[in-house]
Amino acid sequence: MSILLISLGFICCIVGIIGSFLPVLPGLPISWIGILLLYAVPEVEVSSSMLWITFAITFVIFILDYIIPVFGVKKYGGSKYGMYGAGIGLVVGIFTPIPLSVLVFPFLGAYIAELYYSKKGSQQALRAAFGSFIGFLTSTFIEFMGALAFLIIFSYKLIQYREFLF
């Protein structure tokens, strides 16, 4: 049973890294499930405090993953309408089965909202939409680093377990 849990946990960590780049998969939560599965292995020493700390990190990064693109709009001179447009575009992108829709729809949402509601020129609206794109890249990078850190933690605990066996 331990080998099965370890194998599933490792697969979750790898899928979590892949999911940090694919908006369809919640990368970091899947990686955390890998650590949770390792916690369930009685022979591997994973403390409950580490489990809760990694859960808190997962929760914070998961929330930031949806907030950072909206703040990117504001940073690049977008108005509240551009922020709302990016947020609505992100939600639409999540439920749209088009590849890269989570990247394209926040960009389009910010651009259209800036053009229509704030009456800014096309250049300023494009700048705000670019902020949405930069925010998305930033949140993806943060999620990737978190998933990679969870894989390193998983591997480290597994190496300690292996040394314990021999």
C-alpha atoms as a PDB file:
ATOM      1  CA  MET A   1       0.000   0.000   0.000  1.00  0.00           C
ATOM      2  CA  SER A   2       2.889   2.355   0.770  1.00  0.00           C
ATOM      3  CA  ILE A   3       4.344   1.948  -2.712  1.00  0.00           C
ATOM      4  CA  LEU A   4       0.960   2.794  -4.232  1.00  0.00           C
ATOM      5  CA  LEU A   5       0.593   5.938  -2.113  1.00  0.00           C
ATOM      6  CA  ILE A   6       4.161   7.024  -2.884  1.00  0.00           C
ATOM      7  CA  SER A   7       3.630   6.421  -6.613  1.00  0.00           C
ATOM      8  CA  LEU A   8       0.345   8.331  -6.677  1.00  0.00           C
ATOM      9  CA  GLY A   9       1.895  11.147  -4.657  1.00  0.00           C
ATOM     10  CA  PHE A  10       4.820  11.440  -7.062  1.00  0.00           C
ATOM     11  CA  ILE A  11       2.449  11.460 -10.040  1.00  0.00           C
ATOM     12  CA  CYS A  12       0.440  14.228  -8.358  1.00  0.00           C
ATOM     13  CA  CYS A  13       3.599  16.307  -7.887  1.00  0.00           C
ATOM     14  CA  ILE A  14       4.548  15.905 -11.559  1.00  0.00           C
ATOM     15  CA  VAL A  15       0.993  16.654 -12.742  1.00  0.00           C
ATOM     16  CA  GLY A  16       1.031  19.695 -10.432  1.00  0.00           C
ATOM     17  CA  ILE A  17       4.109  21.069 -12.170  1.00  0.00           C
ATOM     18  CA  ILE A  18       2.473  20.530 -15.548  1.00  0.00           C
ATOM     19  CA  GLY A  19      -0.737  22.074 -14.205  1.00  0.00           C
ATOM     20  CA  SER A  20       1.091  25.226 -13.187  1.00  0.00           C
ATOM     21  CA  PHE A  21       1.454  25.958 -16.909  1.00  0.00           C
ATOM     22  CA  LEU A  22      -1.933  24.634 -18.020  1.00  0.00           C
ATOM     23  CA  PRO A  23      -4.722  26.852 -16.736  1.00  0.00           C
ATOM     24  CA  VAL A  24      -7.192  23.966 -16.841  1.00  0.00           C
ATOM     25  CA  LEU A  25      -5.402  22.069 -14.052  1.00  0.00           C
ATOM     26  CA  PRO A  26      -5.019  23.527 -10.554  1.00  0.00           C
ATOM     27  CA  GLY A  27      -1.290  22.787 -10.368  1.00  0.00           C
ATOM     28  CA  LEU A  28      -0.395  23.626  -6.804  1.00  0.00           C
ATOM     29  CA  PRO A  29      -3.413  21.953  -5.168  1.00  0.00           C
ATOM     30  CA  ILE A  30      -2.612  18.771  -7.103  1.00  0.00           C
ATOM     31  CA  SER A  31       1.014  18.966  -5.910  1.00  0.00           C
ATOM     32  CA  TRP A  32      -0.217  19.413  -2.348  1.00  0.00           C
ATOM     33  CA  ILE A  33      -2.310  16.258  -2.699  1.00  0.00           C
ATOM     34  CA  GLY A  34       0.971  14.510  -3.512  1.00  0.00           C
ATOM     35  CA  ILE A  35       2.400  15.643  -0.175  1.00  0.00           C
ATOM     36  CA  LEU A  36      -0.838  14.618   1.539  1.00  0.00           C
ATOM     37  CA  LEU A  37      -0.508  11.129   0.064  1.00  0.00           C
ATOM     38  CA  LEU A  38       3.075  10.955   1.307  1.00  0.00           C
ATOM     39  CA  TYR A  39       1.823  11.984   4.750  1.00  0.00           C
ATOM     40  CA  ALA A  40      -0.483   8.949   4.662  1.00  0.00           C
ATOM     41  CA  VAL A  41       2.498   6.603   4.294  1.00  0.00           C
ATOM     42  CA  PRO A  42       3.301   5.444   7.829  1.00  0.00           C
ATOM     43  CA  GLU A  43       6.978   4.753   7.115  1.00  0.00           C
ATOM     44  CA  VAL A  44       7.697   8.266   5.820  1.00  0.00           C
ATOM     45  CA  GLU A  45       8.073  10.971   8.427  1.00  0.00           C
ATOM     46  CA  VAL A  46       6.029  13.988   7.356  1.00  0.00           C
ATOM     47  CA  SER A  47       4.908  16.225  10.194  1.00  0.00           C
ATOM     48  CA  SER A  48       1.399  17.578  10.406  1.00  0.00           C
ATOM     49  CA  SER A  49       2.828  21.092  10.791  1.00  0.00           C
ATOM     50  CA  MET A  50       4.572  20.744   7.433  1.00  0.00           C
ATOM     51  CA  LEU A  51       1.313  19.541   5.948  1.00  0.00           C
ATOM     52  CA  TRP A  52      -0.552  22.592   7.296  1.00  0.00           C
ATOM     53  CA  ILE A  53       2.186  25.018   6.216  1.00  0.00           C
ATOM     54  CA  THR A  54       2.187  23.625   2.678  1.00  0.00           C
ATOM     55  CA  PHE A  55      -1.614  23.805   2.678  1.00  0.00           C
ATOM     56  CA  ALA A  56      -1.488  27.481   3.705  1.00  0.00           C
ATOM     57  CA  ILE A  57       1.046  28.192   0.954  1.00  0.00           C
ATOM     58  CA  THR A  58      -1.166  26.366  -1.531  1.00  0.00           C
ATOM     59  CA  PHE A  59      -4.225  28.352  -0.463  1.00  0.00           C
ATOM     60  CA  VAL A  60      -2.473  31.735  -0.653  1.00  0.00           C
ATOM     61  CA  ILE A  61      -0.890  31.047  -4.052  1.00  0.00           C
ATOM     62  CA  PHE A  62      -4.160  29.635  -5.393  1.00  0.00           C
ATOM     63  CA  ILE A  63      -5.952  32.870  -4.466  1.00  0.00           C
ATOM     64  CA  LEU A  64      -3.110  35.042  -5.769  1.00  0.00           C
ATOM     65  CA  ASP A  65      -3.229  33.159  -9.047  1.00  0.00           C
ATOM     66  CA  TYR A  66      -6.594  34.791  -9.722  1.00  0.00           C
ATOM     67  CA  ILE A  67      -5.818  38.203  -8.226  1.00  0.00           C
ATOM     68  CA  ILE A  68      -2.402  39.044  -9.708  1.00  0.00           C
ATOM     69  CA  PRO A  69      -3.579  39.461 -13.345  1.00  0.00           C
ATOM     70  CA  VAL A  70      -6.193  41.959 -12.189  1.00  0.00           C
ATOM     71  CA  PHE A  71      -3.579  43.965 -10.299  1.00  0.00           C
ATOM     72  CA  GLY A  72      -1.358  43.846 -13.376  1.00  0.00           C
ATOM     73  CA  VAL A  73      -4.013  45.850 -15.193  1.00  0.00           C
ATOM     74  CA  LYS A  74      -3.966  48.504 -12.472  1.00  0.00           C
ATOM     75  CA  LYS A  75      -0.155  48.650 -12.420  1.00  0.00           C
ATOM     76  CA  TYR A  76      -0.030  49.381 -16.152  1.00  0.00           C
ATOM     77  CA  GLY A  77      -2.441  52.297 -15.950  1.00  0.00           C
ATOM     78  CA  GLY A  78      -5.759  50.541 -16.285  1.00  0.00           C
ATOM     79  CA  SER A  79      -8.860  51.805 -14.572  1.00  0.00           C
ATOM     80  CA  LYS A  80     -11.231  49.879 -12.345  1.00  0.00           C
ATOM     81  CA  TYR A  81     -13.119  48.977 -15.502  1.00  0.00           C
ATOM     82  CA  GLY A  82     -10.016  47.329 -16.931  1.00  0.00           C
ATOM     83  CA  MET A  83      -9.569  45.404 -13.676  1.00  0.00           C
ATOM     84  CA  TYR A  84     -13.183  44.244 -13.811  1.00  0.00           C
ATOM     85  CA  GLY A  85     -12.813  43.353 -17.473  1.00  0.00           C
ATOM     86  CA  ALA A  86      -9.695  41.284 -16.768  1.00  0.00           C
ATOM     87  CA  GLY A  87     -11.479  39.525 -13.902  1.00  0.00           C
ATOM     88  CA  ILE A  88     -14.535  38.753 -16.011  1.00  0.00           C
ATOM     89  CA  GLY A  89     -12.293  37.634 -18.861  1.00  0.00           C
ATOM     90  CA  LEU A  90     -10.468  35.299 -16.501  1.00  0.00           C
ATOM     91  CA  VAL A  91     -13.707  33.704 -15.339  1.00  0.00           C
ATOM     92  CA  VAL A  92     -14.912  33.326 -18.934  1.00  0.00           C
ATOM     93  CA  GLY A  93     -11.513  31.903 -19.886  1.00  0.00           C
ATOM     94  CA  ILE A  94     -11.676  29.282 -17.159  1.00  0.00           C
ATOM     95  CA  PHE A  95     -14.945  27.910 -18.526  1.00  0.00           C
ATOM     96  CA  THR A  96     -14.044  28.180 -22.212  1.00  0.00           C
ATOM     97  CA  PRO A  97     -12.568  25.030 -23.758  1.00  0.00           C
ATOM     98  CA  ILE A  98     -10.298  26.995 -26.107  1.00  0.00           C
ATOM     99  CA  PRO A  99      -6.534  26.479 -25.628  1.00  0.00           C
ATOM    100  CA  LEU A 100      -4.895  29.425 -23.859  1.00  0.00           C
ATOM    101  CA  SER A 101      -8.297  30.986 -23.169  1.00  0.00           C
ATOM    102  CA  VAL A 102      -7.218  31.931 -19.634  1.00  0.00           C
ATOM    103  CA  LEU A 103      -4.428  33.936 -21.217  1.00  0.00           C
ATOM    104  CA  VAL A 104      -6.429  35.528 -24.042  1.00  0.00           C
ATOM    105  CA  PHE A 105      -9.745  36.381 -22.341  1.00  0.00           C
ATOM    106  CA  PRO A 106      -8.336  38.491 -19.453  1.00  0.00           C
ATOM    107  CA  PHE A 107      -6.310  40.400 -22.059  1.00  0.00           C
ATOM    108  CA  LEU A 108      -9.391  40.955 -24.220  1.00  0.00           C
ATOM    109  CA  GLY A 109     -11.590  41.735 -21.213  1.00  0.00           C
ATOM    110  CA  ALA A 110      -9.235  44.443 -19.982  1.00  0.00           C
ATOM    111  CA  TYR A 111      -8.811  45.860 -23.475  1.00  0.00           C
ATOM    112  CA  ILE A 112     -12.529  45.999 -24.281  1.00  0.00           C
ATOM    113  CA  ALA A 113     -13.463  47.400 -20.867  1.00  0.00           C
ATOM    114  CA  GLU A 114     -10.837  50.128 -21.117  1.00  0.00           C
ATOM    115  CA  LEU A 115     -11.947  51.081 -24.612  1.00  0.00           C
ATOM    116  CA  TYR A 116     -15.655  51.043 -23.890  1.00  0.00           C
ATOM    117  CA  TYR A 117     -16.069  52.300 -20.325  1.00  0.00           C
ATOM    118  CA  SER A 118     -13.112  54.500 -19.536  1.00  0.00           C
ATOM    119  CA  LYS A 119     -13.038  56.097 -22.995  1.00  0.00           C
ATOM    120  CA  LYS A 120      -9.253  55.847 -23.096  1.00  0.00           C
ATOM    121  CA  GLY A 121      -7.481  55.565 -26.380  1.00  0.00           C
ATOM    122  CA  SER A 122      -6.533  52.315 -27.992  1.00  0.00           C
ATOM    123  CA  GLN A 123      -2.908  52.699 -26.913  1.00  0.00           C
ATOM    124  CA  GLN A 124      -3.764  53.080 -23.199  1.00  0.00           C
ATOM    125  CA  ALA A 125      -6.276  50.229 -23.390  1.00  0.00           C
ATOM    126  CA  LEU A 126      -3.622  48.023 -24.970  1.00  0.00           C
ATOM    127  CA  ARG A 127      -1.192  48.957 -22.198  1.00  0.00           C
ATOM    128  CA  ALA A 128      -3.728  47.926 -19.540  1.00  0.00           C
ATOM    129  CA  ALA A 129      -4.363  44.650 -21.355  1.00  0.00           C
ATOM    130  CA  PHE A 130      -0.611  44.060 -21.466  1.00  0.00           C
ATOM    131  CA  GLY A 131      -0.627  44.476 -17.689  1.00  0.00           C
ATOM    132  CA  SER A 132      -3.117  41.623 -17.522  1.00  0.00           C
ATOM    133  CA  PHE A 133      -0.761  39.462 -19.584  1.00  0.00           C
ATOM    134  CA  ILE A 134       2.214  40.305 -17.347  1.00  0.00           C
ATOM    135  CA  GLY A 135       0.113  39.532 -14.282  1.00  0.00           C
ATOM    136  CA  PHE A 136      -0.818  36.146 -15.719  1.00  0.00           C
ATOM    137  CA  LEU A 137       2.829  35.308 -16.421  1.00  0.00           C
ATOM    138  CA  THR A 138       3.763  36.371 -12.891  1.00  0.00           C
ATOM    139  CA  SER A 139       1.090  34.230 -11.278  1.00  0.00           C
ATOM    140  CA  THR A 140       2.066  31.259 -13.463  1.00  0.00           C
ATOM    141  CA  PHE A 141       5.698  31.625 -12.411  1.00  0.00           C
ATOM    142  CA  ILE A 142       4.752  31.775  -8.722  1.00  0.00           C
ATOM    143  CA  GLU A 143       2.575  28.667  -9.057  1.00  0.00           C
ATOM    144  CA  PHE A 144       5.349  26.824 -10.911  1.00  0.00           C
ATOM    145  CA  MET A 145       7.882  27.666  -8.196  1.00  0.00           C
ATOM    146  CA  GLY A 146       5.466  26.433  -5.526  1.00  0.00           C
ATOM    147  CA  ALA A 147       4.821  23.159  -7.367  1.00  0.00           C
ATOM    148  CA  LEU A 148       8.558  22.690  -7.892  1.00  0.00           C
ATOM    149  CA  ALA A 149       9.184  23.308  -4.199  1.00  0.00           C
ATOM    150  CA  PHE A 150       6.566  20.686  -3.311  1.00  0.00           C
ATOM    151  CA  LEU A 151       8.257  18.185  -5.630  1.00  0.00           C
ATOM    152  CA  ILE A 152      11.585  18.905  -3.925  1.00  0.00           C
ATOM    153  CA  ILE A 153      10.010  18.427  -0.482  1.00  0.00           C
ATOM    154  CA  PHE A 154       8.391  15.191  -1.658  1.00  0.00           C
ATOM    155  CA  SER A 155      11.691  13.923  -3.074  1.00  0.00           C
ATOM    156  CA  TYR A 156      13.637  14.907   0.046  1.00  0.00           C
ATOM    157  CA  LYS A 157      11.217  13.064   2.319  1.00  0.00           C
ATOM    158  CA  LEU A 158      11.346  10.071  -0.010  1.00  0.00           C
ATOM    159  CA  ILE A 159      15.154  10.042   0.085  1.00  0.00           C
ATOM    160  CA  GLN A 160      15.029  10.114   3.884  1.00  0.00           C
ATOM    161  CA  TYR A 161      12.621   7.161   3.756  1.00  0.00           C
ATOM    162  CA  ARG A 162      14.927   5.269   1.405  1.00  0.00           C
ATOM    163  CA  GLU A 163      17.905   5.847   3.687  1.00  0.00           C
ATOM    164  CA  PHE A 164      15.805   4.563   6.557  1.00  0.00           C
ATOM    165  CA  LEU A 165      15.173   1.301   4.674  1.00  0.00           C
ATOM    166  CA  PHE A 166      18.819   0.602   3.970  1.00  0.00           C
END
